[in-house]
Amino acid sequence: MSVTPEVIAAAAKSNVEAGLNSASSFVATVFAAVERVSTLNLATARTAFDESVAFSKAVMATKDPKALAALNLGVLTPSVEKGVAYGRSLSAIGTDTKEELTKLIEAEAAAAGKNFDAALESLFKNAPAGSEAAVKAVKTALANASTAYEGAAKAAKQVVAAAQASVEKAAEVAVQNVEKGSKAAASALKVA
Protein backbone atom coordinates (compact mmCIF):
# COMPACT_ATOMS: atom_id res chain seq x y z
CA MET A 1 0.00 0.00 0.00
CA SER A 2 1.49 3.31 -1.03
CA VAL A 3 0.83 6.55 0.76
CA THR A 4 -0.67 9.10 -1.61
CA PRO A 5 -1.88 12.62 -0.89
CA GLU A 6 -5.44 11.37 -1.24
CA VAL A 7 -4.89 8.70 1.43
CA ILE A 8 -3.34 11.28 3.78
CA ALA A 9 -6.19 13.74 3.17
CA ALA A 10 -8.82 11.05 3.78
CA ALA A 11 -7.11 9.99 7.00
CA ALA A 12 -6.83 13.59 8.18
CA LYS A 13 -10.50 14.23 7.40
CA SER A 14 -11.51 11.07 9.24
CA ASN A 15 -9.41 12.05 12.26
CA VAL A 16 -10.87 15.57 12.37
CA GLU A 17 -14.44 14.22 12.16
CA ALA A 18 -13.77 11.68 14.90
CA GLY A 19 -12.19 14.38 17.07
CA LEU A 20 -15.17 16.69 16.60
CA ASN A 21 -17.60 13.90 17.46
CA SER A 22 -15.62 13.01 20.57
CA ALA A 23 -15.35 16.63 21.69
CA SER A 24 -19.05 17.16 21.08
CA SER A 25 -19.97 14.11 23.16
CA PHE A 26 -17.58 15.15 25.92
CA VAL A 27 -18.98 18.70 26.13
CA ALA A 28 -22.59 17.45 25.99
CA THR A 29 -21.89 15.14 28.95
CA VAL A 30 -20.33 17.97 30.96
CA PHE A 31 -23.24 20.32 30.16
CA ALA A 32 -25.74 17.66 31.23
CA ALA A 33 -23.92 17.35 34.57
CA VAL A 34 -23.92 21.14 35.03
CA GLU A 35 -27.65 21.22 34.31
CA ARG A 36 -28.29 18.47 36.89
CA VAL A 37 -26.23 20.28 39.54
CA SER A 38 -28.01 23.56 38.77
CA THR A 39 -31.41 21.89 39.08
CA LEU A 40 -30.40 20.27 42.35
CA ASN A 41 -29.09 23.56 43.74
CA LEU A 42 -32.24 25.46 42.78
CA ALA A 43 -34.49 22.82 44.31
CA THR A 44 -32.36 22.76 47.48
CA ALA A 45 -32.39 26.55 47.76
CA ARG A 46 -36.16 26.67 47.25
CA THR A 47 -36.76 24.00 49.90
CA ALA A 48 -34.36 25.69 52.33
CA PHE A 49 -36.14 29.02 51.87
CA ASP A 50 -39.59 27.52 52.37
CA GLU A 51 -38.45 25.63 55.47
CA SER A 52 -36.74 28.72 56.85
CA VAL A 53 -39.94 30.74 56.55
CA ALA A 54 -41.96 27.97 58.22
CA PHE A 55 -39.38 27.64 61.02
CA SER A 56 -39.34 31.40 61.60
CA LYS A 57 -43.13 31.42 61.91
CA ALA A 58 -42.99 28.51 64.37
CA VAL A 59 -40.32 30.27 66.46
CA MET A 60 -42.40 33.45 66.64
CA ALA A 61 -45.45 31.50 67.71
CA THR A 62 -43.55 29.74 70.52
CA LYS A 63 -43.88 31.25 74.00
CA ASP A 64 -42.24 28.55 76.16
CA PRO A 65 -38.40 28.25 76.27
CA LYS A 66 -38.62 24.44 76.47
CA ALA A 67 -40.84 24.37 73.40
CA LEU A 68 -38.35 26.63 71.60
CA ALA A 69 -35.46 24.31 72.52
CA ALA A 70 -37.48 21.29 71.39
CA LEU A 71 -38.28 23.08 68.13
CA ASN A 72 -34.59 23.72 67.53
CA LEU A 73 -33.70 20.11 68.31
CA GLY A 74 -36.46 18.87 66.04
CA VAL A 75 -34.87 20.66 63.10
CA LEU A 76 -31.35 19.36 63.68
CA THR A 77 -31.66 15.74 62.50
CA PRO A 78 -33.71 16.52 59.38
CA SER A 79 -31.21 19.25 58.47
CA VAL A 80 -28.29 16.85 58.73
CA GLU A 81 -30.20 14.22 56.76
CA LYS A 82 -30.97 16.75 54.03
CA GLY A 83 -27.32 17.78 53.92
CA VAL A 84 -26.27 14.16 53.55
CA ALA A 85 -28.93 13.60 50.87
CA TYR A 86 -27.67 16.68 49.01
CA GLY A 87 -24.12 15.33 49.18
CA ARG A 88 -25.27 11.95 47.92
CA SER A 89 -27.09 13.60 45.04
CA LEU A 90 -23.96 15.55 44.10
CA SER A 91 -21.93 12.37 44.40
CA ALA A 92 -24.36 10.51 42.14
CA ILE A 93 -24.13 13.26 39.53
CA GLY A 94 -20.35 13.16 39.74
CA THR A 95 -20.26 9.37 39.51
CA ASP A 96 -22.63 9.29 36.54
CA THR A 97 -20.63 11.98 34.76
CA LYS A 98 -17.34 10.23 35.49
CA GLU A 99 -18.72 6.96 34.12
CA GLU A 100 -19.98 8.63 30.95
CA LEU A 101 -16.69 10.45 30.39
CA THR A 102 -14.75 7.26 31.13
CA LYS A 103 -16.78 5.40 28.50
CA LEU A 104 -16.09 8.15 25.97
CA ILE A 105 -12.38 8.17 26.74
CA GLU A 106 -12.14 4.38 26.67
CA ALA A 107 -13.92 4.27 23.30
CA GLU A 108 -11.59 6.95 21.96
CA ALA A 109 -8.55 5.08 23.30
CA ALA A 110 -9.78 1.82 21.76
CA ALA A 111 -10.24 3.50 18.39
CA ALA A 112 -6.80 5.10 18.62
CA GLY A 113 -5.33 1.74 19.61
CA LYS A 114 -6.89 0.04 16.61
CA ASN A 115 -5.56 2.75 14.30
CA PHE A 116 -2.13 2.43 15.89
CA ASP A 117 -2.23 -1.36 15.57
CA ALA A 118 -3.23 -1.10 11.93
CA ALA A 119 -0.43 1.35 11.24
CA LEU A 120 2.07 -0.93 13.00
CA GLU A 121 0.87 -3.97 11.06
CA SER A 122 1.31 -2.04 7.84
CA LEU A 123 4.77 -1.02 8.95
CA PHE A 124 5.64 -4.56 10.01
CA LYS A 125 4.48 -5.99 6.69
CA ASN A 126 6.95 -3.74 4.92
CA ALA A 127 9.78 -4.48 7.38
CA PRO A 128 12.99 -5.71 5.81
CA ALA A 129 13.85 -9.39 5.85
CA GLY A 130 15.58 -10.55 9.01
CA SER A 131 13.74 -8.13 11.30
CA GLU A 132 11.21 -10.71 12.49
CA ALA A 133 12.75 -10.89 15.98
CA ALA A 134 12.56 -7.10 16.40
CA VAL A 135 8.96 -7.07 15.16
CA LYS A 136 8.06 -9.84 17.59
CA ALA A 137 9.76 -7.97 20.47
CA VAL A 138 7.82 -4.78 19.68
CA LYS A 139 4.54 -6.69 19.50
CA THR A 140 5.27 -8.40 22.83
CA ALA A 141 6.16 -5.09 24.49
CA LEU A 142 2.95 -3.52 23.22
CA ALA A 143 0.87 -6.46 24.46
CA ASN A 144 2.53 -6.26 27.89
CA ALA A 145 1.92 -2.51 28.08
CA SER A 146 -1.73 -3.02 27.17
CA THR A 147 -2.14 -5.68 29.85
CA ALA A 148 -0.48 -3.44 32.45
CA TYR A 149 -2.76 -0.54 31.52
CA GLU A 150 -5.88 -2.70 31.83
CA GLY A 151 -4.74 -3.94 35.26
CA ALA A 152 -4.06 -0.41 36.46
CA ALA A 153 -7.44 0.80 35.20
CA LYS A 154 -9.20 -2.06 37.00
CA ALA A 155 -7.32 -1.34 40.24
CA ALA A 156 -8.17 2.37 40.00
CA LYS A 157 -11.87 1.55 39.59
CA GLN A 158 -11.73 -0.69 42.68
CA VAL A 159 -10.08 2.08 44.72
CA VAL A 160 -12.76 4.57 43.67
CA ALA A 161 -15.53 2.12 44.57
CA ALA A 162 -13.99 1.46 47.99
CA ALA A 163 -13.58 5.18 48.67
CA GLN A 164 -17.18 5.86 47.72
CA ALA A 165 -18.41 3.09 50.00
CA SER A 166 -16.35 4.55 52.87
CA VAL A 167 -17.82 8.01 52.35
CA GLU A 168 -21.35 6.61 52.31
CA LYS A 169 -20.72 4.68 55.52
CA ALA A 170 -19.24 7.75 57.22
CA ALA A 171 -22.29 9.82 56.25
CA GLU A 172 -24.61 7.14 57.62
CA VAL A 173 -22.70 7.07 60.93
CA ALA A 174 -22.81 10.87 61.15
CA VAL A 175 -26.59 10.90 60.73
CA GLN A 176 -26.97 8.19 63.37
CA ASN A 177 -24.78 10.14 65.81
CA VAL A 178 -26.79 13.32 65.29
CA GLU A 179 -30.02 11.40 65.85
CA LYS A 180 -28.65 9.93 69.10
CA GLY A 181 -27.52 13.36 70.28
CA SER A 182 -30.87 14.91 69.43
CA LYS A 183 -32.75 12.18 71.26
CA ALA A 184 -30.52 12.58 74.31
CA ALA A 185 -31.02 16.34 74.31
CA ALA A 186 -34.78 15.93 73.89
CA SER A 187 -34.83 13.51 76.84
CA ALA A 188 -32.88 16.01 78.94
CA LEU A 189 -35.40 18.72 78.08
CA LYS A 190 -38.30 16.51 79.18
CA VAL A 191 -36.61 15.78 82.49
CA ALA A 192 -35.79 19.44 83.14
C-alpha atoms as a PDB file:
ATOM      1  CA  MET A   1       0.000   0.000   0.000  1.00  0.00           C
ATOM      2  CA  SER A   2       1.495   3.308  -1.028  1.00  0.00           C
ATOM      3  CA  VAL A   3       0.827   6.550   0.755  1.00  0.00           C
ATOM      4  CA  THR A   4      -0.674   9.099  -1.606  1.00  0.00           C
ATOM      5  CA  PRO A   5      -1.875  12.623  -0.890  1.00  0.00           C
ATOM      6  CA  GLU A   6      -5.439  11.366  -1.242  1.00  0.00           C
ATOM      7  CA  VAL A   7      -4.892   8.703   1.434  1.00  0.00           C
ATOM      8  CA  ILE A   8      -3.340  11.283   3.777  1.00  0.00           C
ATOM      9  CA  ALA A   9      -6.194  13.737   3.172  1.00  0.00           C
ATOM     10  CA  ALA A  10      -8.819  11.054   3.781  1.00  0.00           C
ATOM     11  CA  ALA A  11      -7.106   9.986   7.004  1.00  0.00           C
ATOM     12  CA  ALA A  12      -6.835  13.593   8.181  1.00  0.00           C
ATOM     13  CA  LYS A  13     -10.504  14.231   7.399  1.00  0.00           C
ATOM     14  CA  SER A  14     -11.510  11.068   9.242  1.00  0.00           C
ATOM     15  CA  ASN A  15      -9.406  12.053  12.260  1.00  0.00           C
ATOM     16  CA  VAL A  16     -10.873  15.567  12.372  1.00  0.00           C
ATOM     17  CA  GLU A  17     -14.440  14.222  12.164  1.00  0.00           C
ATOM     18  CA  ALA A  18     -13.765  11.678  14.901  1.00  0.00           C
ATOM     19  CA  GLY A  19     -12.186  14.380  17.067  1.00  0.00           C
ATOM     20  CA  LEU A  20     -15.175  16.691  16.596  1.00  0.00           C
ATOM     21  CA  ASN A  21     -17.597  13.899  17.458  1.00  0.00           C
ATOM     22  CA  SER A  22     -15.623  13.012  20.574  1.00  0.00           C
ATOM     23  CA  ALA A  23     -15.347  16.633  21.694  1.00  0.00           C
ATOM     24  CA  SER A  24     -19.050  17.165  21.083  1.00  0.00           C
ATOM     25  CA  SER A  25     -19.969  14.112  23.162  1.00  0.00           C
ATOM     26  CA  PHE A  26     -17.578  15.151  25.922  1.00  0.00           C
ATOM     27  CA  VAL A  27     -18.984  18.697  26.128  1.00  0.00           C
ATOM     28  CA  ALA A  28     -22.595  17.449  25.994  1.00  0.00           C
ATOM     29  CA  THR A  29     -21.887  15.142  28.952  1.00  0.00           C
ATOM     30  CA  VAL A  30     -20.333  17.975  30.964  1.00  0.00           C
ATOM     31  CA  PHE A  31     -23.237  20.323  30.157  1.00  0.00           C
ATOM     32  CA  ALA A  32     -25.737  17.665  31.229  1.00  0.00           C
ATOM     33  CA  ALA A  33     -23.917  17.354  34.568  1.00  0.00           C
ATOM     34  CA  VAL A  34     -23.921  21.137  35.033  1.00  0.00           C
ATOM     35  CA  GLU A  35     -27.652  21.215  34.313  1.00  0.00           C
ATOM     36  CA  ARG A  36     -28.286  18.470  36.886  1.00  0.00           C
ATOM     37  CA  VAL A  37     -26.231  20.281  39.536  1.00  0.00           C
ATOM     38  CA  SER A  38     -28.012  23.561  38.774  1.00  0.00           C
ATOM     39  CA  THR A  39     -31.415  21.893  39.075  1.00  0.00           C
ATOM     40  CA  LEU A  40     -30.397  20.270  42.352  1.00  0.00           C
ATOM     41  CA  ASN A  41     -29.091  23.564  43.736  1.00  0.00           C
ATOM     42  CA  LEU A  42     -32.236  25.461  42.776  1.00  0.00           C
ATOM     43  CA  ALA A  43     -34.491  22.815  44.314  1.00  0.00           C
ATOM     44  CA  THR A  44     -32.364  22.760  47.482  1.00  0.00           C
ATOM     45  CA  ALA A  45     -32.393  26.552  47.761  1.00  0.00           C
ATOM     46  CA  ARG A  46     -36.155  26.665  47.253  1.00  0.00           C
ATOM     47  CA  THR A  47     -36.760  24.003  49.896  1.00  0.00           C
ATOM     48  CA  ALA A  48     -34.364  25.694  52.328  1.00  0.00           C
ATOM     49  CA  PHE A  49     -36.142  29.017  51.874  1.00  0.00           C
ATOM     50  CA  ASP A  50     -39.590  27.523  52.370  1.00  0.00           C
ATOM     51  CA  GLU A  51     -38.452  25.625  55.473  1.00  0.00           C
ATOM     52  CA  SER A  52     -36.735  28.720  56.850  1.00  0.00           C
ATOM     53  CA  VAL A  53     -39.936  30.738  56.555  1.00  0.00           C
ATOM     54  CA  ALA A  54     -41.955  27.969  58.222  1.00  0.00           C
ATOM     55  CA  PHE A  55     -39.384  27.638  61.024  1.00  0.00           C
ATOM     56  CA  SER A  56     -39.344  31.401  61.601  1.00  0.00           C
ATOM     57  CA  LYS A  57     -43.128  31.425  61.909  1.00  0.00           C
ATOM     58  CA  ALA A  58     -42.995  28.507  64.372  1.00  0.00           C
ATOM     59  CA  VAL A  59     -40.324  30.272  66.459  1.00  0.00           C
ATOM     60  CA  MET A  60     -42.403  33.449  66.636  1.00  0.00           C
ATOM     61  CA  ALA A  61     -45.449  31.496  67.705  1.00  0.00           C
ATOM     62  CA  THR A  62     -43.548  29.736  70.519  1.00  0.00           C
ATOM     63  CA  LYS A  63     -43.880  31.246  74.005  1.00  0.00           C
ATOM     64  CA  ASP A  64     -42.236  28.554  76.155  1.00  0.00           C
ATOM     65  CA  PRO A  65     -38.403  28.249  76.275  1.00  0.00           C
ATOM     66  CA  LYS A  66     -38.617  24.437  76.472  1.00  0.00           C
ATOM     67  CA  ALA A  67     -40.842  24.371  73.395  1.00  0.00           C
ATOM     68  CA  LEU A  68     -38.346  26.634  71.599  1.00  0.00           C
ATOM     69  CA  ALA A  69     -35.456  24.309  72.517  1.00  0.00           C
ATOM     70  CA  ALA A  70     -37.479  21.292  71.386  1.00  0.00           C
ATOM     71  CA  LEU A  71     -38.283  23.077  68.129  1.00  0.00           C
ATOM     72  CA  ASN A  72     -34.585  23.720  67.531  1.00  0.00           C
ATOM     73  CA  LEU A  73     -33.701  20.106  68.307  1.00  0.00           C
ATOM     74  CA  GLY A  74     -36.465  18.875  66.036  1.00  0.00           C
ATOM     75  CA  VAL A  75     -34.873  20.659  63.101  1.00  0.00           C
ATOM     76  CA  LEU A  76     -31.348  19.363  63.683  1.00  0.00           C
ATOM     77  CA  THR A  77     -31.658  15.744  62.501  1.00  0.00           C
ATOM     78  CA  PRO A  78     -33.710  16.523  59.377  1.00  0.00           C
ATOM     79  CA  SER A  79     -31.206  19.254  58.474  1.00  0.00           C
ATOM     80  CA  VAL A  80     -28.286  16.853  58.730  1.00  0.00           C
ATOM     81  CA  GLU A  81     -30.197  14.216  56.764  1.00  0.00           C
ATOM     82  CA  LYS A  82     -30.967  16.755  54.033  1.00  0.00           C
ATOM     83  CA  GLY A  83     -27.320  17.782  53.915  1.00  0.00           C
ATOM     84  CA  VAL A  84     -26.270  14.158  53.552  1.00  0.00           C
ATOM     85  CA  ALA A  85     -28.929  13.602  50.868  1.00  0.00           C
ATOM     86  CA  TYR A  86     -27.671  16.678  49.013  1.00  0.00           C
ATOM     87  CA  GLY A  87     -24.115  15.334  49.184  1.00  0.00           C
ATOM     88  CA  ARG A  88     -25.272  11.948  47.917  1.00  0.00           C
ATOM     89  CA  SER A  89     -27.086  13.598  45.037  1.00  0.00           C
ATOM     90  CA  LEU A  90     -23.959  15.547  44.101  1.00  0.00           C
ATOM     91  CA  SER A  91     -21.926  12.374  44.401  1.00  0.00           C
ATOM     92  CA  ALA A  92     -24.360  10.513  42.143  1.00  0.00           C
ATOM     93  CA  ILE A  93     -24.134  13.265  39.532  1.00  0.00           C
ATOM     94  CA  GLY A  94     -20.350  13.158  39.740  1.00  0.00           C
ATOM     95  CA  THR A  95     -20.260   9.370  39.510  1.00  0.00           C
ATOM     96  CA  ASP A  96     -22.633   9.294  36.542  1.00  0.00           C
ATOM     97  CA  THR A  97     -20.629  11.982  34.763  1.00  0.00           C
ATOM     98  CA  LYS A  98     -17.336  10.231  35.493  1.00  0.00           C
ATOM     99  CA  GLU A  99     -18.722   6.965  34.124  1.00  0.00           C
ATOM    100  CA  GLU A 100     -19.982   8.626  30.949  1.00  0.00           C
ATOM    101  CA  LEU A 101     -16.693  10.448  30.389  1.00  0.00           C
ATOM    102  CA  THR A 102     -14.749   7.264  31.127  1.00  0.00           C
ATOM    103  CA  LYS A 103     -16.783   5.400  28.498  1.00  0.00           C
ATOM    104  CA  LEU A 104     -16.092   8.151  25.968  1.00  0.00           C
ATOM    105  CA  ILE A 105     -12.375   8.175  26.741  1.00  0.00           C
ATOM    106  CA  GLU A 106     -12.137   4.378  26.667  1.00  0.00           C
ATOM    107  CA  ALA A 107     -13.920   4.266  23.299  1.00  0.00           C
ATOM    108  CA  GLU A 108     -11.589   6.945  21.959  1.00  0.00           C
ATOM    109  CA  ALA A 109      -8.550   5.084  23.305  1.00  0.00           C
ATOM    110  CA  ALA A 110      -9.784   1.823  21.764  1.00  0.00           C
ATOM    111  CA  ALA A 111     -10.238   3.496  18.391  1.00  0.00           C
ATOM    112  CA  ALA A 112      -6.800   5.105  18.617  1.00  0.00           C
ATOM    113  CA  GLY A 113      -5.333   1.741  19.613  1.00  0.00           C
ATOM    114  CA  LYS A 114      -6.894   0.037  16.605  1.00  0.00           C
ATOM    115  CA  ASN A 115      -5.565   2.749  14.298  1.00  0.00           C
ATOM    116  CA  PHE A 116      -2.132   2.430  15.893  1.00  0.00           C
ATOM    117  CA  ASP A 117      -2.227  -1.364  15.574  1.00  0.00           C
ATOM    118  CA  ALA A 118      -3.232  -1.104  11.926  1.00  0.00           C
ATOM    119  CA  ALA A 119      -0.426   1.351  11.240  1.00  0.00           C
ATOM    120  CA  LEU A 120       2.074  -0.934  12.996  1.00  0.00           C
ATOM    121  CA  GLU A 121       0.873  -3.967  11.061  1.00  0.00           C
ATOM    122  CA  SER A 122       1.305  -2.036   7.843  1.00  0.00           C
ATOM    123  CA  LEU A 123       4.770  -1.016   8.948  1.00  0.00           C
ATOM    124  CA  PHE A 124       5.638  -4.557  10.014  1.00  0.00           C
ATOM    125  CA  LYS A 125       4.482  -5.992   6.685  1.00  0.00           C
ATOM    126  CA  ASN A 126       6.952  -3.736   4.925  1.00  0.00           C
ATOM    127  CA  ALA A 127       9.777  -4.479   7.376  1.00  0.00           C
ATOM    128  CA  PRO A 128      12.992  -5.708   5.806  1.00  0.00           C
ATOM    129  CA  ALA A 129      13.855  -9.388   5.846  1.00  0.00           C
ATOM    130  CA  GLY A 130      15.579 -10.552   9.013  1.00  0.00           C
ATOM    131  CA  SER A 131      13.740  -8.134  11.301  1.00  0.00           C
ATOM    132  CA  GLU A 132      11.212 -10.710  12.492  1.00  0.00           C
ATOM    133  CA  ALA A 133      12.748 -10.887  15.979  1.00  0.00           C
ATOM    134  CA  ALA A 134      12.563  -7.104  16.397  1.00  0.00           C
ATOM    135  CA  VAL A 135       8.956  -7.068  15.160  1.00  0.00           C
ATOM    136  CA  LYS A 136       8.064  -9.844  17.594  1.00  0.00           C
ATOM    137  CA  ALA A 137       9.756  -7.967  20.474  1.00  0.00           C
ATOM    138  CA  VAL A 138       7.824  -4.781  19.684  1.00  0.00           C
ATOM    139  CA  LYS A 139       4.537  -6.691  19.504  1.00  0.00           C
ATOM    140  CA  THR A 140       5.266  -8.401  22.834  1.00  0.00           C
ATOM    141  CA  ALA A 141       6.157  -5.092  24.488  1.00  0.00           C
ATOM    142  CA  LEU A 142       2.948  -3.521  23.217  1.00  0.00           C
ATOM    143  CA  ALA A 143       0.870  -6.464  24.459  1.00  0.00           C
ATOM    144  CA  ASN A 144       2.528  -6.256  27.895  1.00  0.00           C
ATOM    145  CA  ALA A 145       1.915  -2.506  28.076  1.00  0.00           C
ATOM    146  CA  SER A 146      -1.732  -3.022  27.165  1.00  0.00           C
ATOM    147  CA  THR A 147      -2.141  -5.684  29.845  1.00  0.00           C
ATOM    148  CA  ALA A 148      -0.480  -3.445  32.450  1.00  0.00           C
ATOM    149  CA  TYR A 149      -2.764  -0.537  31.521  1.00  0.00           C
ATOM    150  CA  GLU A 150      -5.876  -2.704  31.834  1.00  0.00           C
ATOM    151  CA  GLY A 151      -4.735  -3.943  35.255  1.00  0.00           C
ATOM    152  CA  ALA A 152      -4.057  -0.412  36.459  1.00  0.00           C
ATOM    153  CA  ALA A 153      -7.437   0.797  35.198  1.00  0.00           C
ATOM    154  CA  LYS A 154      -9.196  -2.060  37.001  1.00  0.00           C
ATOM    155  CA  ALA A 155      -7.316  -1.335  40.237  1.00  0.00           C
ATOM    156  CA  ALA A 156      -8.174   2.367  40.004  1.00  0.00           C
ATOM    157  CA  LYS A 157     -11.867   1.550  39.591  1.00  0.00           C
ATOM    158  CA  GLN A 158     -11.726  -0.690  42.676  1.00  0.00           C
ATOM    159  CA  VAL A 159     -10.079   2.075  44.723  1.00  0.00           C
ATOM    160  CA  VAL A 160     -12.757   4.569  43.668  1.00  0.00           C
ATOM    161  CA  ALA A 161     -15.534   2.120  44.568  1.00  0.00           C
ATOM    162  CA  ALA A 162     -13.988   1.462  47.990  1.00  0.00           C
ATOM    163  CA  ALA A 163     -13.582   5.184  48.671  1.00  0.00           C
ATOM    164  CA  GLN A 164     -17.181   5.864  47.717  1.00  0.00           C
ATOM    165  CA  ALA A 165     -18.410   3.090  50.004  1.00  0.00           C
ATOM    166  CA  SER A 166     -16.352   4.549  52.867  1.00  0.00           C
ATOM    167  CA  VAL A 167     -17.821   8.013  52.349  1.00  0.00           C
ATOM    168  CA  GLU A 168     -21.351   6.613  52.307  1.00  0.00           C
ATOM    169  CA  LYS A 169     -20.718   4.676  55.520  1.00  0.00           C
ATOM    170  CA  ALA A 170     -19.244   7.750  57.221  1.00  0.00           C
ATOM    171  CA  ALA A 171     -22.289   9.822  56.246  1.00  0.00           C
ATOM    172  CA  GLU A 172     -24.606   7.140  57.616  1.00  0.00           C
ATOM    173  CA  VAL A 173     -22.699   7.066  60.926  1.00  0.00           C
ATOM    174  CA  ALA A 174     -22.805  10.871  61.147  1.00  0.00           C
ATOM    175  CA  VAL A 175     -26.588  10.903  60.732  1.00  0.00           C
ATOM    176  CA  GLN A 176     -26.966   8.191  63.368  1.00  0.00           C
ATOM    177  CA  ASN A 177     -24.779  10.145  65.811  1.00  0.00           C
ATOM    178  CA  VAL A 178     -26.788  13.321  65.291  1.00  0.00           C
ATOM    179  CA  GLU A 179     -30.017  11.396  65.850  1.00  0.00           C
ATOM    180  CA  LYS A 180     -28.650   9.933  69.095  1.00  0.00           C
ATOM    181  CA  GLY A 181     -27.516  13.356  70.284  1.00  0.00           C
ATOM    182  CA  SER A 182     -30.870  14.913  69.427  1.00  0.00           C
ATOM    183  CA  LYS A 183     -32.751  12.178  71.263  1.00  0.00           C
ATOM    184  CA  ALA A 184     -30.518  12.578  74.312  1.00  0.00           C
ATOM    185  CA  ALA A 185     -31.025  16.337  74.308  1.00  0.00           C
ATOM    186  CA  ALA A 186     -34.784  15.927  73.892  1.00  0.00           C
ATOM    187  CA  SER A 187     -34.833  13.511  76.843  1.00  0.00           C
ATOM    188  CA  ALA A 188     -32.878  16.008  78.941  1.00  0.00           C
ATOM    189  CA  LEU A 189     -35.401  18.723  78.080  1.00  0.00           C
ATOM    190  CA  LYS A 190     -38.297  16.508  79.180  1.00  0.00           C
ATOM    191  CA  VAL A 191     -36.606  15.783  82.490  1.00  0.00           C
ATOM    192  CA  ALA A 192     -35.786  19.444  83.143  1.00  0.00           C
END
